[in-house]
Amino acid sequence: MFENLGTPEFIALLLLALLIFGERLPKVISDGMRMLRGLRAMATNATGDLSKELGTDIKLEDLNPKAFVRKHLLSEEDEAALRKPLTGIYDDLRGELNNAGKLAADAKANVNAMASATPAAASSSPAATPPPARFDDAT
């Protein structure tokens, strides 16, 4: 969660917290830790109650509805049967995207080749630019 938080940023956050909370900082930290422990205990109790009610071992990750259905209601054969059409579509789509990427790279190479082949012709004949539009022309 805090992998991008370096030492200077951490020190700046500590100084900011010290300026905002002042002498109350230790109490604020202890209240936050107490709330976090309470939330963790509630989650543990909820998973324990669900495990007792359903008669299976449930982890916190299993509370995601998709993971719960996959783990407790579908057999491996059912899951494979559900995934089979999707894997075919996925493979077809990946092939089409790879083909489109190759076509785009070829088109870019062609445009670059054409641009580098005719720089003198483009600079010798100035392009006819239309005069700038005036307010009177638009009305």
C-alpha atoms as a PDB file:
ATOM      1  CA  MET A   1       0.000   0.000   0.000  1.00  0.00           C
ATOM      2  CA  PHE A   2       2.831   2.394   0.828  1.00  0.00           C
ATOM      3  CA  GLU A   3       5.452   1.076  -1.615  1.00  0.00           C
ATOM      4  CA  ASN A   4       5.717   4.454  -3.381  1.00  0.00           C
ATOM      5  CA  LEU A   5       6.123   6.357  -0.132  1.00  0.00           C
ATOM      6  CA  GLY A   6       9.786   7.295   0.302  1.00  0.00           C
ATOM      7  CA  THR A   7      11.621   8.629   3.327  1.00  0.00           C
ATOM      8  CA  PRO A   8      11.148  12.334   2.488  1.00  0.00           C
ATOM      9  CA  GLU A   9       7.409  11.867   1.940  1.00  0.00           C
ATOM     10  CA  PHE A  10       7.075   9.901   5.191  1.00  0.00           C
ATOM     11  CA  ILE A  11       8.919  12.617   7.141  1.00  0.00           C
ATOM     12  CA  ALA A  12       6.719  15.279   5.521  1.00  0.00           C
ATOM     13  CA  LEU A  13       3.591  13.346   6.542  1.00  0.00           C
ATOM     14  CA  LEU A  14       4.852  13.027  10.111  1.00  0.00           C
ATOM     15  CA  LEU A  15       5.568  16.767  10.304  1.00  0.00           C
ATOM     16  CA  LEU A  16       2.149  17.549   8.829  1.00  0.00           C
ATOM     17  CA  ALA A  17       0.462  15.271  11.366  1.00  0.00           C
ATOM     18  CA  LEU A  18       2.436  16.894  14.156  1.00  0.00           C
ATOM     19  CA  LEU A  19       1.376  20.368  12.994  1.00  0.00           C
ATOM     20  CA  ILE A  20      -2.287  19.392  12.632  1.00  0.00           C
ATOM     21  CA  PHE A  21      -2.758  17.339  15.783  1.00  0.00           C
ATOM     22  CA  GLY A  22      -0.003  18.769  18.001  1.00  0.00           C
ATOM     23  CA  GLU A  23      -0.026  17.287  21.485  1.00  0.00           C
ATOM     24  CA  ARG A  24      -3.026  15.089  20.676  1.00  0.00           C
ATOM     25  CA  LEU A  25      -1.044  13.031  18.091  1.00  0.00           C
ATOM     26  CA  PRO A  26      -0.336  10.024  20.381  1.00  0.00           C
ATOM     27  CA  LYS A  27      -4.023   9.837  21.350  1.00  0.00           C
ATOM     28  CA  VAL A  28      -5.114  10.105  17.681  1.00  0.00           C
ATOM     29  CA  ILE A  29      -2.707   7.291  16.715  1.00  0.00           C
ATOM     30  CA  SER A  30      -3.905   5.054  19.544  1.00  0.00           C
ATOM     31  CA  ASP A  31      -7.567   5.721  18.638  1.00  0.00           C
ATOM     32  CA  GLY A  32      -6.851   4.862  14.998  1.00  0.00           C
ATOM     33  CA  MET A  33      -5.097   1.624  15.945  1.00  0.00           C
ATOM     34  CA  ARG A  34      -7.961   0.691  18.288  1.00  0.00           C
ATOM     35  CA  MET A  35     -10.474   1.274  15.466  1.00  0.00           C
ATOM     36  CA  LEU A  36      -8.384  -0.840  13.073  1.00  0.00           C
ATOM     37  CA  ARG A  37      -8.191  -3.688  15.597  1.00  0.00           C
ATOM     38  CA  GLY A  38     -11.959  -3.463  16.095  1.00  0.00           C
ATOM     39  CA  LEU A  39     -12.642  -3.659  12.343  1.00  0.00           C
ATOM     40  CA  ARG A  40     -10.297  -6.621  12.002  1.00  0.00           C
ATOM     41  CA  ALA A  41     -12.020  -8.393  14.909  1.00  0.00           C
ATOM     42  CA  MET A  42     -15.448  -7.785  13.347  1.00  0.00           C
ATOM     43  CA  ALA A  43     -14.284  -9.244  10.029  1.00  0.00           C
ATOM     44  CA  THR A  44     -12.839 -12.285  11.787  1.00  0.00           C
ATOM     45  CA  ASN A  45     -16.069 -12.808  13.731  1.00  0.00           C
ATOM     46  CA  ALA A  46     -18.176 -12.469  10.583  1.00  0.00           C
ATOM     47  CA  THR A  47     -16.108 -15.056   8.706  1.00  0.00           C
ATOM     48  CA  GLY A  48     -16.263 -17.371  11.722  1.00  0.00           C
ATOM     49  CA  ASP A  49     -20.053 -17.059  11.899  1.00  0.00           C
ATOM     50  CA  LEU A  50     -20.378 -17.742   8.167  1.00  0.00           C
ATOM     51  CA  SER A  51     -18.110 -20.766   8.473  1.00  0.00           C
ATOM     52  CA  LYS A  52     -20.271 -22.156  11.268  1.00  0.00           C
ATOM     53  CA  GLU A  53     -23.519 -21.494   9.404  1.00  0.00           C
ATOM     54  CA  LEU A  54     -22.361 -22.965   6.089  1.00  0.00           C
ATOM     55  CA  GLY A  55     -20.321 -25.781   7.558  1.00  0.00           C
ATOM     56  CA  THR A  56     -17.222 -24.974   5.479  1.00  0.00           C
ATOM     57  CA  ASP A  57     -13.979 -23.155   6.108  1.00  0.00           C
ATOM     58  CA  ILE A  58     -14.298 -19.591   4.774  1.00  0.00           C
ATOM     59  CA  LYS A  59     -11.454 -17.119   4.510  1.00  0.00           C
ATOM     60  CA  LEU A  60     -11.820 -13.371   4.111  1.00  0.00           C
ATOM     61  CA  GLU A  61     -10.916 -13.636   0.401  1.00  0.00           C
ATOM     62  CA  ASP A  62     -13.843 -16.026  -0.109  1.00  0.00           C
ATOM     63  CA  LEU A  63     -16.370 -13.316   0.745  1.00  0.00           C
ATOM     64  CA  ASN A  64     -16.122 -11.976  -2.793  1.00  0.00           C
ATOM     65  CA  PRO A  65     -19.311 -13.330  -4.432  1.00  0.00           C
ATOM     66  CA  LYS A  66     -17.519 -14.600  -7.540  1.00  0.00           C
ATOM     67  CA  ALA A  67     -14.883 -16.423  -5.510  1.00  0.00           C
ATOM     68  CA  PHE A  68     -17.550 -17.823  -3.166  1.00  0.00           C
ATOM     69  CA  VAL A  69     -19.645 -19.253  -6.025  1.00  0.00           C
ATOM     70  CA  ARG A  70     -16.579 -20.605  -7.784  1.00  0.00           C
ATOM     71  CA  LYS A  71     -15.277 -22.326  -4.658  1.00  0.00           C
ATOM     72  CA  HIS A  72     -18.460 -23.667  -3.088  1.00  0.00           C
ATOM     73  CA  LEU A  73     -20.999 -24.182  -5.860  1.00  0.00           C
ATOM     74  CA  LEU A  74     -19.082 -25.075  -9.026  1.00  0.00           C
ATOM     75  CA  SER A  75     -17.066 -28.201  -9.580  1.00  0.00           C
ATOM     76  CA  GLU A  76     -13.854 -28.058 -11.595  1.00  0.00           C
ATOM     77  CA  GLU A  77     -15.651 -29.504 -14.632  1.00  0.00           C
ATOM     78  CA  ASP A  78     -18.402 -26.879 -14.409  1.00  0.00           C
ATOM     79  CA  GLU A  79     -15.849 -24.087 -14.155  1.00  0.00           C
ATOM     80  CA  ALA A  80     -13.902 -25.456 -17.139  1.00  0.00           C
ATOM     81  CA  ALA A  81     -17.136 -25.704 -19.162  1.00  0.00           C
ATOM     82  CA  LEU A  82     -17.953 -22.069 -18.350  1.00  0.00           C
ATOM     83  CA  ARG A  83     -14.467 -20.869 -19.272  1.00  0.00           C
ATOM     84  CA  LYS A  84     -14.131 -22.840 -22.540  1.00  0.00           C
ATOM     85  CA  PRO A  85     -16.173 -20.493 -24.807  1.00  0.00           C
ATOM     86  CA  LEU A  86     -14.577 -17.452 -23.225  1.00  0.00           C
ATOM     87  CA  THR A  87     -11.038 -18.707 -23.767  1.00  0.00           C
ATOM     88  CA  GLY A  88     -11.770 -19.238 -27.468  1.00  0.00           C
ATOM     89  CA  ILE A  89     -13.122 -15.712 -27.806  1.00  0.00           C
ATOM     90  CA  TYR A  90     -10.166 -14.365 -25.838  1.00  0.00           C
ATOM     91  CA  ASP A  91      -7.656 -16.140 -28.089  1.00  0.00           C
ATOM     92  CA  ASP A  92      -9.437 -14.880 -31.233  1.00  0.00           C
ATOM     93  CA  LEU A  93      -9.496 -11.330 -29.899  1.00  0.00           C
ATOM     94  CA  ARG A  94      -5.814 -11.472 -28.945  1.00  0.00           C
ATOM     95  CA  GLY A  95      -4.940 -12.670 -32.468  1.00  0.00           C
ATOM     96  CA  GLU A  96      -6.961  -9.849 -34.045  1.00  0.00           C
ATOM     97  CA  LEU A  97      -5.323  -7.264 -31.811  1.00  0.00           C
ATOM     98  CA  ASN A  98      -1.859  -8.567 -32.675  1.00  0.00           C
ATOM     99  CA  ASN A  99      -2.768  -8.410 -36.377  1.00  0.00           C
ATOM    100  CA  ALA A 100      -4.080  -4.841 -35.983  1.00  0.00           C
ATOM    101  CA  GLY A 101      -0.876  -3.856 -34.174  1.00  0.00           C
ATOM    102  CA  LYS A 102       1.228  -5.233 -37.023  1.00  0.00           C
ATOM    103  CA  LEU A 103      -0.902  -3.389 -39.604  1.00  0.00           C
ATOM    104  CA  ALA A 104      -0.575  -0.143 -37.658  1.00  0.00           C
ATOM    105  CA  ALA A 105       3.203  -0.548 -37.426  1.00  0.00           C
ATOM    106  CA  ASP A 106       3.382  -1.221 -41.175  1.00  0.00           C
ATOM    107  CA  ALA A 107       1.253   1.841 -41.922  1.00  0.00           C
ATOM    108  CA  LYS A 108       3.435   3.997 -39.699  1.00  0.00           C
ATOM    109  CA  ALA A 109       6.572   2.709 -41.424  1.00  0.00           C
ATOM    110  CA  ASN A 110       5.027   3.485 -44.834  1.00  0.00           C
ATOM    111  CA  VAL A 111       4.073   7.014 -43.771  1.00  0.00           C
ATOM    112  CA  ASN A 112       7.552   7.628 -42.382  1.00  0.00           C
ATOM    113  CA  ALA A 113       9.131   6.293 -45.578  1.00  0.00           C
ATOM    114  CA  MET A 114       6.928   8.517 -47.735  1.00  0.00           C
ATOM    115  CA  ALA A 115       7.640  11.566 -45.569  1.00  0.00           C
ATOM    116  CA  SER A 116      11.392  11.043 -45.700  1.00  0.00           C
ATOM    117  CA  ALA A 117      11.359  10.352 -49.449  1.00  0.00           C
ATOM    118  CA  THR A 118       9.696  13.642 -50.494  1.00  0.00           C
ATOM    119  CA  PRO A 119      10.872  16.470 -48.207  1.00  0.00           C
ATOM    120  CA  ALA A 120      12.139  18.635 -51.107  1.00  0.00           C
ATOM    121  CA  ALA A 121       8.879  18.485 -53.044  1.00  0.00           C
ATOM    122  CA  ALA A 122       6.864  19.561 -50.031  1.00  0.00           C
ATOM    123  CA  SER A 123       9.094  22.566 -49.309  1.00  0.00           C
ATOM    124  CA  SER A 124       9.370  23.791 -52.937  1.00  0.00           C
ATOM    125  CA  SER A 125       5.631  24.225 -53.508  1.00  0.00           C
ATOM    126  CA  PRO A 126       3.946  26.117 -50.699  1.00  0.00           C
ATOM    127  CA  ALA A 127       0.531  24.827 -49.814  1.00  0.00           C
ATOM    128  CA  ALA A 128      -2.348  27.152 -50.519  1.00  0.00           C
ATOM    129  CA  THR A 129      -3.702  28.190 -47.159  1.00  0.00           C
ATOM    130  CA  PRO A 130      -7.114  29.780 -46.954  1.00  0.00           C
ATOM    131  CA  PRO A 131      -7.242  33.281 -45.518  1.00  0.00           C
ATOM    132  CA  PRO A 132      -8.226  33.443 -41.875  1.00  0.00           C
ATOM    133  CA  ALA A 133     -11.954  33.657 -41.301  1.00  0.00           C
ATOM    134  CA  ARG A 134     -13.291  37.000 -40.229  1.00  0.00           C
ATOM    135  CA  PHE A 135     -16.327  37.663 -38.165  1.00  0.00           C
ATOM    136  CA  ASP A 136     -18.110  39.203 -41.153  1.00  0.00           C
ATOM    137  CA  ASP A 137     -17.564  36.059 -43.238  1.00  0.00           C
ATOM    138  CA  ALA A 138     -19.382  33.900 -40.713  1.00  0.00           C
ATOM    139  CA  THR A 139     -22.534  35.996 -40.612  1.00  0.00           C
END
